[in-house]
Every structure is written in C-alpha cells, then in structure tokens.
N, C-alpha and C. Protein backbone atom coordinates (compact mmCIF):
# COMPACT_ATOMS: atom_id res chain seq x y z
N MET A 1 47.22 -41.71 -23.46
CA MET A 1 46.38 -41.94 -22.31
C MET A 1 46.96 -41.32 -21.05
N LEU A 2 48.29 -41.43 -20.91
CA LEU A 2 48.94 -40.85 -19.74
C LEU A 2 48.83 -39.33 -19.75
N ILE A 3 48.91 -38.74 -20.94
CA ILE A 3 48.82 -37.28 -21.03
C ILE A 3 47.44 -36.81 -20.60
N ASN A 4 46.39 -37.55 -20.96
CA ASN A 4 45.05 -37.16 -20.53
C ASN A 4 44.91 -37.23 -19.02
N LYS A 5 45.52 -38.24 -18.39
CA LYS A 5 45.47 -38.32 -16.94
C LYS A 5 46.18 -37.13 -16.30
N LEU A 6 47.31 -36.74 -16.89
CA LEU A 6 48.08 -35.63 -16.33
C LEU A 6 47.40 -34.29 -16.54
N THR A 7 46.74 -34.11 -17.67
CA THR A 7 46.15 -32.81 -17.95
C THR A 7 44.85 -32.57 -17.22
N TYR A 8 44.10 -33.63 -16.92
CA TYR A 8 42.80 -33.43 -16.28
C TYR A 8 42.81 -33.71 -14.77
N ASN A 9 43.97 -34.04 -14.22
CA ASN A 9 44.07 -34.32 -12.81
C ASN A 9 44.66 -33.10 -12.10
N HIS A 10 43.90 -32.49 -11.23
CA HIS A 10 44.33 -31.26 -10.58
C HIS A 10 45.36 -31.50 -9.49
N GLU A 11 45.47 -32.73 -9.02
CA GLU A 11 46.46 -33.01 -7.98
C GLU A 11 47.87 -32.83 -8.49
N TYR A 12 48.10 -33.16 -9.75
CA TYR A 12 49.43 -32.98 -10.33
C TYR A 12 49.79 -31.49 -10.40
N PHE A 13 48.83 -30.67 -10.70
CA PHE A 13 49.08 -29.23 -10.75
C PHE A 13 49.42 -28.69 -9.36
N ILE A 14 48.72 -29.15 -8.35
CA ILE A 14 48.99 -28.71 -6.98
C ILE A 14 50.37 -29.18 -6.54
N ILE A 15 50.73 -30.41 -6.88
CA ILE A 15 52.06 -30.92 -6.56
C ILE A 15 53.13 -30.10 -7.27
N PHE A 16 52.89 -29.76 -8.52
CA PHE A 16 53.83 -28.93 -9.28
C PHE A 16 54.01 -27.57 -8.62
N GLN A 17 52.92 -26.95 -8.18
CA GLN A 17 53.00 -25.65 -7.52
C GLN A 17 53.78 -25.74 -6.22
N ILE A 18 53.55 -26.79 -5.46
CA ILE A 18 54.26 -26.97 -4.19
C ILE A 18 55.76 -27.13 -4.44
N PHE A 19 56.12 -27.95 -5.43
CA PHE A 19 57.54 -28.12 -5.74
C PHE A 19 58.16 -26.82 -6.26
N ALA A 20 57.43 -26.05 -7.05
CA ALA A 20 57.96 -24.78 -7.54
C ALA A 20 58.22 -23.81 -6.39
N ILE A 21 57.32 -23.75 -5.43
CA ILE A 21 57.51 -22.86 -4.28
C ILE A 21 58.68 -23.34 -3.42
N ILE A 22 58.78 -24.63 -3.21
CA ILE A 22 59.88 -25.17 -2.39
C ILE A 22 61.23 -24.92 -3.06
N ILE A 23 61.32 -25.16 -4.36
CA ILE A 23 62.58 -24.94 -5.06
C ILE A 23 62.95 -23.47 -5.06
N SER A 24 61.98 -22.58 -5.22
CA SER A 24 62.26 -21.15 -5.19
C SER A 24 62.77 -20.73 -3.81
N CYS A 25 62.15 -21.21 -2.76
CA CYS A 25 62.60 -20.87 -1.40
C CYS A 25 64.00 -21.41 -1.13
N ILE A 26 64.28 -22.61 -1.59
CA ILE A 26 65.62 -23.19 -1.40
C ILE A 26 66.66 -22.35 -2.12
N MET A 27 66.36 -21.91 -3.34
CA MET A 27 67.32 -21.09 -4.09
C MET A 27 67.57 -19.75 -3.40
N ILE A 28 66.53 -19.15 -2.86
CA ILE A 28 66.70 -17.88 -2.14
C ILE A 28 67.53 -18.07 -0.88
N LEU A 29 67.27 -19.15 -0.15
CA LEU A 29 68.03 -19.42 1.07
C LEU A 29 69.50 -19.72 0.76
N ILE A 30 69.76 -20.47 -0.28
CA ILE A 30 71.14 -20.77 -0.66
C ILE A 30 71.88 -19.49 -1.03
N SER A 31 71.25 -18.62 -1.80
CA SER A 31 71.91 -17.36 -2.17
C SER A 31 72.11 -16.46 -0.95
N PHE A 32 71.21 -16.53 0.01
CA PHE A 32 71.36 -15.72 1.22
C PHE A 32 72.56 -16.18 2.04
N PHE A 33 72.72 -17.49 2.17
CA PHE A 33 73.82 -18.01 2.99
C PHE A 33 75.16 -17.99 2.27
N LEU A 34 75.18 -18.20 0.97
CA LEU A 34 76.44 -18.28 0.25
C LEU A 34 76.86 -16.95 -0.39
N GLY A 35 75.96 -15.99 -0.47
CA GLY A 35 76.27 -14.73 -1.12
C GLY A 35 77.14 -13.83 -0.25
N GLY A 36 77.94 -13.00 -0.89
CA GLY A 36 78.78 -12.07 -0.16
C GLY A 36 78.00 -10.85 0.30
N ARG A 37 78.51 -10.23 1.35
CA ARG A 37 77.85 -9.04 1.88
C ARG A 37 78.85 -7.92 2.01
N SER A 38 78.37 -6.71 1.84
CA SER A 38 79.21 -5.53 1.99
C SER A 38 78.46 -4.54 2.86
N TYR A 39 79.13 -4.05 3.90
CA TYR A 39 78.47 -3.14 4.85
C TYR A 39 79.14 -1.77 4.90
N ASN A 40 79.85 -1.36 3.88
CA ASN A 40 80.52 -0.06 3.93
C ASN A 40 79.59 1.06 3.47
N LEU A 41 80.03 2.30 3.61
CA LEU A 41 79.19 3.45 3.24
C LEU A 41 79.00 3.58 1.73
N GLY A 42 79.94 3.07 0.96
CA GLY A 42 79.82 3.15 -0.49
C GLY A 42 78.70 2.31 -1.05
N LYS A 43 78.18 1.40 -0.26
CA LYS A 43 77.08 0.55 -0.70
C LYS A 43 75.79 1.35 -0.91
N GLN A 44 75.63 2.45 -0.19
CA GLN A 44 74.41 3.24 -0.26
C GLN A 44 74.45 4.32 -1.34
N VAL A 45 75.57 4.47 -2.06
CA VAL A 45 75.71 5.51 -3.07
C VAL A 45 75.15 4.99 -4.40
N PRO A 46 74.28 5.78 -5.06
CA PRO A 46 73.79 5.36 -6.38
C PRO A 46 74.94 5.29 -7.38
N PHE A 47 74.96 4.23 -8.15
CA PHE A 47 76.09 3.97 -9.05
C PHE A 47 75.53 3.35 -10.32
N GLU A 48 75.82 3.98 -11.45
CA GLU A 48 75.30 3.45 -12.70
C GLU A 48 76.37 3.47 -13.76
N SER A 49 76.63 2.35 -14.35
CA SER A 49 77.57 2.19 -15.45
C SER A 49 78.95 2.73 -15.13
N GLY A 50 79.39 2.58 -13.91
CA GLY A 50 80.73 3.01 -13.53
C GLY A 50 80.87 4.48 -13.24
N VAL A 51 79.78 5.24 -13.23
CA VAL A 51 79.83 6.68 -12.99
C VAL A 51 78.95 7.00 -11.80
N PHE A 52 79.49 7.78 -10.87
CA PHE A 52 78.69 8.20 -9.72
C PHE A 52 77.74 9.32 -10.14
N SER A 53 76.55 9.35 -9.56
CA SER A 53 75.60 10.40 -9.90
C SER A 53 76.04 11.72 -9.28
N TYR A 54 75.84 12.78 -10.01
CA TYR A 54 76.18 14.10 -9.49
C TYR A 54 75.03 15.07 -9.59
N GLU A 55 73.92 14.67 -10.21
CA GLU A 55 72.73 15.52 -10.31
C GLU A 55 71.52 14.72 -9.86
N ASN A 56 70.38 15.37 -9.95
CA ASN A 56 69.14 14.69 -9.63
C ASN A 56 68.85 13.66 -10.73
N ALA A 57 68.63 12.42 -10.33
CA ALA A 57 68.41 11.35 -11.30
C ALA A 57 66.95 11.22 -11.70
N GLN A 58 66.07 12.01 -11.12
CA GLN A 58 64.65 11.92 -11.44
C GLN A 58 64.35 12.83 -12.63
N ILE A 59 64.08 12.21 -13.77
CA ILE A 59 63.78 12.95 -14.99
C ILE A 59 62.28 12.89 -15.21
N LYS A 60 61.67 14.01 -15.51
CA LYS A 60 60.24 14.01 -15.78
C LYS A 60 60.02 13.59 -17.23
N ILE A 61 59.21 12.58 -17.39
CA ILE A 61 58.88 12.07 -18.72
C ILE A 61 57.44 12.45 -19.02
N HIS A 62 57.21 12.92 -20.23
CA HIS A 62 55.88 13.38 -20.62
C HIS A 62 54.90 12.21 -20.63
N ILE A 63 53.66 12.49 -20.32
CA ILE A 63 52.63 11.47 -20.21
C ILE A 63 52.38 10.76 -21.55
N ASN A 64 52.67 11.41 -22.65
CA ASN A 64 52.43 10.80 -23.96
C ASN A 64 53.26 9.53 -24.16
N PHE A 65 54.45 9.49 -23.60
CA PHE A 65 55.25 8.28 -23.71
C PHE A 65 54.57 7.11 -23.00
N TYR A 66 53.96 7.39 -21.86
CA TYR A 66 53.24 6.33 -21.15
C TYR A 66 51.99 5.89 -21.92
N LEU A 67 51.30 6.84 -22.53
CA LEU A 67 50.12 6.48 -23.32
C LEU A 67 50.48 5.58 -24.49
N ILE A 68 51.55 5.94 -25.20
CA ILE A 68 51.98 5.11 -26.32
C ILE A 68 52.37 3.73 -25.84
N ALA A 69 53.04 3.65 -24.70
CA ALA A 69 53.44 2.34 -24.16
C ALA A 69 52.23 1.50 -23.80
N ILE A 70 51.23 2.13 -23.19
CA ILE A 70 50.02 1.39 -22.81
C ILE A 70 49.27 0.93 -24.05
N PHE A 71 49.14 1.80 -25.05
CA PHE A 71 48.46 1.40 -26.30
C PHE A 71 49.20 0.25 -26.97
N PHE A 72 50.53 0.33 -26.96
CA PHE A 72 51.31 -0.75 -27.58
C PHE A 72 51.08 -2.06 -26.86
N ILE A 73 51.10 -2.04 -25.54
CA ILE A 73 50.91 -3.28 -24.77
C ILE A 73 49.52 -3.86 -25.03
N ILE A 74 48.51 -2.99 -25.04
CA ILE A 74 47.15 -3.47 -25.25
C ILE A 74 47.01 -4.12 -26.63
N PHE A 75 47.46 -3.43 -27.67
CA PHE A 75 47.30 -3.97 -29.02
C PHE A 75 48.25 -5.13 -29.28
N ASP A 76 49.38 -5.16 -28.60
CA ASP A 76 50.30 -6.28 -28.76
C ASP A 76 49.69 -7.55 -28.17
N ILE A 77 49.07 -7.46 -27.02
CA ILE A 77 48.43 -8.63 -26.41
C ILE A 77 47.25 -9.09 -27.27
N GLU A 78 46.51 -8.16 -27.82
CA GLU A 78 45.41 -8.54 -28.69
C GLU A 78 45.91 -9.23 -29.95
N SER A 79 47.04 -8.81 -30.45
CA SER A 79 47.58 -9.48 -31.63
C SER A 79 48.03 -10.90 -31.30
N LEU A 80 48.45 -11.14 -30.06
CA LEU A 80 48.76 -12.52 -29.65
C LEU A 80 47.52 -13.39 -29.70
N TYR A 81 46.40 -12.85 -29.22
CA TYR A 81 45.15 -13.60 -29.29
C TYR A 81 44.79 -13.91 -30.75
N LEU A 82 45.00 -12.97 -31.63
CA LEU A 82 44.69 -13.20 -33.03
C LEU A 82 45.61 -14.25 -33.64
N TYR A 83 46.86 -14.27 -33.21
CA TYR A 83 47.78 -15.29 -33.71
C TYR A 83 47.31 -16.69 -33.29
N LEU A 84 46.96 -16.84 -32.03
CA LEU A 84 46.46 -18.13 -31.56
C LEU A 84 45.15 -18.51 -32.26
N TRP A 85 44.32 -17.52 -32.50
CA TRP A 85 43.06 -17.77 -33.21
C TRP A 85 43.33 -18.26 -34.62
N SER A 86 44.30 -17.65 -35.30
CA SER A 86 44.59 -18.05 -36.68
C SER A 86 45.20 -19.45 -36.75
N ILE A 87 45.91 -19.87 -35.71
CA ILE A 87 46.48 -21.21 -35.71
C ILE A 87 45.39 -22.27 -35.53
N SER A 88 44.42 -21.96 -34.69
CA SER A 88 43.39 -22.96 -34.39
C SER A 88 42.12 -22.76 -35.21
N ILE A 89 42.21 -22.16 -36.36
CA ILE A 89 41.02 -21.83 -37.15
C ILE A 89 40.32 -23.10 -37.66
N LYS A 90 41.06 -24.18 -37.91
CA LYS A 90 40.42 -25.42 -38.38
C LYS A 90 39.66 -26.12 -37.27
N ILE A 91 40.09 -25.94 -36.04
CA ILE A 91 39.46 -26.63 -34.92
C ILE A 91 38.21 -25.90 -34.43
N ILE A 92 38.23 -24.58 -34.46
CA ILE A 92 37.15 -23.81 -33.84
C ILE A 92 35.91 -23.67 -34.71
N GLU A 93 36.04 -23.98 -35.98
CA GLU A 93 34.93 -23.99 -36.92
C GLU A 93 34.25 -22.62 -37.05
N LEU A 94 32.98 -22.62 -37.41
CA LEU A 94 32.28 -21.38 -37.75
C LEU A 94 32.06 -20.48 -36.54
N GLU A 95 31.71 -21.04 -35.39
CA GLU A 95 31.45 -20.21 -34.21
C GLU A 95 32.70 -19.46 -33.78
N GLY A 96 33.83 -20.15 -33.78
CA GLY A 96 35.09 -19.51 -33.43
C GLY A 96 35.50 -18.47 -34.46
N PHE A 97 35.20 -18.74 -35.73
CA PHE A 97 35.51 -17.77 -36.77
C PHE A 97 34.72 -16.49 -36.58
N ILE A 98 33.44 -16.63 -36.27
CA ILE A 98 32.59 -15.45 -36.05
C ILE A 98 33.06 -14.68 -34.82
N GLU A 99 33.42 -15.38 -33.75
CA GLU A 99 33.93 -14.70 -32.56
C GLU A 99 35.23 -13.97 -32.86
N GLY A 100 36.10 -14.58 -33.67
CA GLY A 100 37.35 -13.91 -34.06
C GLY A 100 37.10 -12.65 -34.86
N ILE A 101 36.14 -12.71 -35.78
CA ILE A 101 35.79 -11.53 -36.57
C ILE A 101 35.24 -10.43 -35.66
N LEU A 102 34.41 -10.79 -34.69
CA LEU A 102 33.91 -9.79 -33.73
C LEU A 102 35.04 -9.19 -32.91
N PHE A 103 36.01 -10.01 -32.55
CA PHE A 103 37.16 -9.52 -31.80
C PHE A 103 37.97 -8.53 -32.64
N ILE A 104 38.20 -8.85 -33.91
CA ILE A 104 38.91 -7.93 -34.81
C ILE A 104 38.11 -6.64 -34.97
N PHE A 105 36.81 -6.76 -35.09
CA PHE A 105 35.95 -5.58 -35.22
C PHE A 105 36.06 -4.70 -33.97
N THR A 106 36.10 -5.32 -32.79
CA THR A 106 36.25 -4.56 -31.54
C THR A 106 37.59 -3.83 -31.50
N ILE A 107 38.66 -4.50 -31.95
CA ILE A 107 39.97 -3.86 -31.99
C ILE A 107 39.95 -2.66 -32.94
N LEU A 108 39.33 -2.82 -34.09
CA LEU A 108 39.27 -1.71 -35.05
C LEU A 108 38.45 -0.54 -34.51
N ILE A 109 37.34 -0.84 -33.84
CA ILE A 109 36.54 0.25 -33.24
C ILE A 109 37.37 1.00 -32.21
N THR A 110 38.11 0.27 -31.39
CA THR A 110 38.96 0.91 -30.39
C THR A 110 40.02 1.77 -31.03
N LEU A 111 40.64 1.27 -32.09
CA LEU A 111 41.67 2.04 -32.78
C LEU A 111 41.10 3.29 -33.43
N PHE A 112 39.95 3.18 -34.05
CA PHE A 112 39.32 4.37 -34.64
C PHE A 112 38.92 5.38 -33.57
N TYR A 113 38.48 4.88 -32.42
CA TYR A 113 38.15 5.79 -31.32
C TYR A 113 39.39 6.53 -30.84
N LEU A 114 40.51 5.85 -30.76
CA LEU A 114 41.75 6.51 -30.34
C LEU A 114 42.17 7.56 -31.36
N PHE A 115 42.00 7.26 -32.65
CA PHE A 115 42.33 8.25 -33.67
C PHE A 115 41.38 9.45 -33.60
N LYS A 116 40.10 9.18 -33.35
CA LYS A 116 39.11 10.27 -33.27
C LYS A 116 39.40 11.18 -32.08
N MET A 117 39.80 10.57 -30.95
CA MET A 117 40.11 11.35 -29.75
C MET A 117 41.49 11.98 -29.83
N LYS A 118 42.21 11.70 -30.91
CA LYS A 118 43.57 12.21 -31.14
C LYS A 118 44.49 11.82 -29.99
N ALA A 119 44.34 10.61 -29.52
CA ALA A 119 45.17 10.13 -28.43
C ALA A 119 46.60 9.84 -28.90
N LEU A 120 46.76 9.59 -30.17
CA LEU A 120 48.08 9.29 -30.70
C LEU A 120 48.74 10.50 -31.37
N ASN A 121 48.04 11.61 -31.41
CA ASN A 121 48.58 12.82 -32.04
C ASN A 121 49.05 13.77 -30.95
N TRP A 122 50.34 14.01 -30.87
CA TRP A 122 50.90 14.81 -29.79
C TRP A 122 50.74 16.31 -30.00
N LYS A 123 50.47 16.73 -31.21
CA LYS A 123 50.38 18.17 -31.48
C LYS A 123 49.17 18.82 -30.82
N TYR A 124 48.08 18.08 -30.72
CA TYR A 124 46.84 18.66 -30.23
C TYR A 124 46.59 18.42 -28.76
N LYS A 125 47.58 17.87 -28.07
CA LYS A 125 47.41 17.62 -26.65
C LYS A 125 47.59 18.92 -25.86
N ASN A 126 46.71 19.15 -24.93
CA ASN A 126 46.82 20.31 -24.04
C ASN A 126 47.14 19.85 -22.64
N ILE A 127 48.29 19.24 -22.48
CA ILE A 127 48.66 18.73 -21.16
C ILE A 127 49.69 19.66 -20.55
C-alpha cells in the first residue's frame, strides 16, 4: 500500500528532484573550495598518458566509422526494448504481442533498407 502511494504521488518525485539538485550543488561547491589549484604555464599544455604532444592531435576519421556507431546505437537501443518486451510478454497479452511483432518487423525493414542502400558496405561508398 505504501509503494502505491509513493509511485502515484507526484510530490515525492518533485521532492526527490529538489534533493538531487541540492546534493549535486553541494558536492560541486565542496570540491571547488577543497580542491587544489594550479596556475602555472604547464597547466595549459596538452598532456596525455605522460607524453607531451608534438604534432597536430586532430586526426580525421572517416564518416563510415560514425555511421557504424550510429547504426549500432540505434539497433542496440531497439534490442533493449525487445528485451523488456520479452520479459513482460505474459502481462501484455495479445495486443502487446502484436505490437512487439510490428516493432520487430519495423526493425527488419530498416535493416533491409540499410543493406539495400549499401550503408554498411564500405567498398561502394563514394565519399
């Protein structure tokens, strides 16, 4: 009974958000006042893994790497939805099952479209 009061009462959520913001601000202020500071010229030098940079650190990465990353993120998030759908399959009954099948069908159509457009094949790209 107490859980139902907590889950359906929006005031508790607002109180939680206020406390989260207050605690975050307090932590930032504490680190600002207690943290050490350095004001020398070496602070402005790029430094990575104990080695000073001696060349241009800006490397051009081909757009295909970004495309693969975006496709992975999109399909990874969709697979999370499918995982949650498969866990709650007994609760959602027939309507939820049909919606899940339509969702899988949409994912497959998208994947076939990407294959047709050769978005995942790097040999045929004219970039």
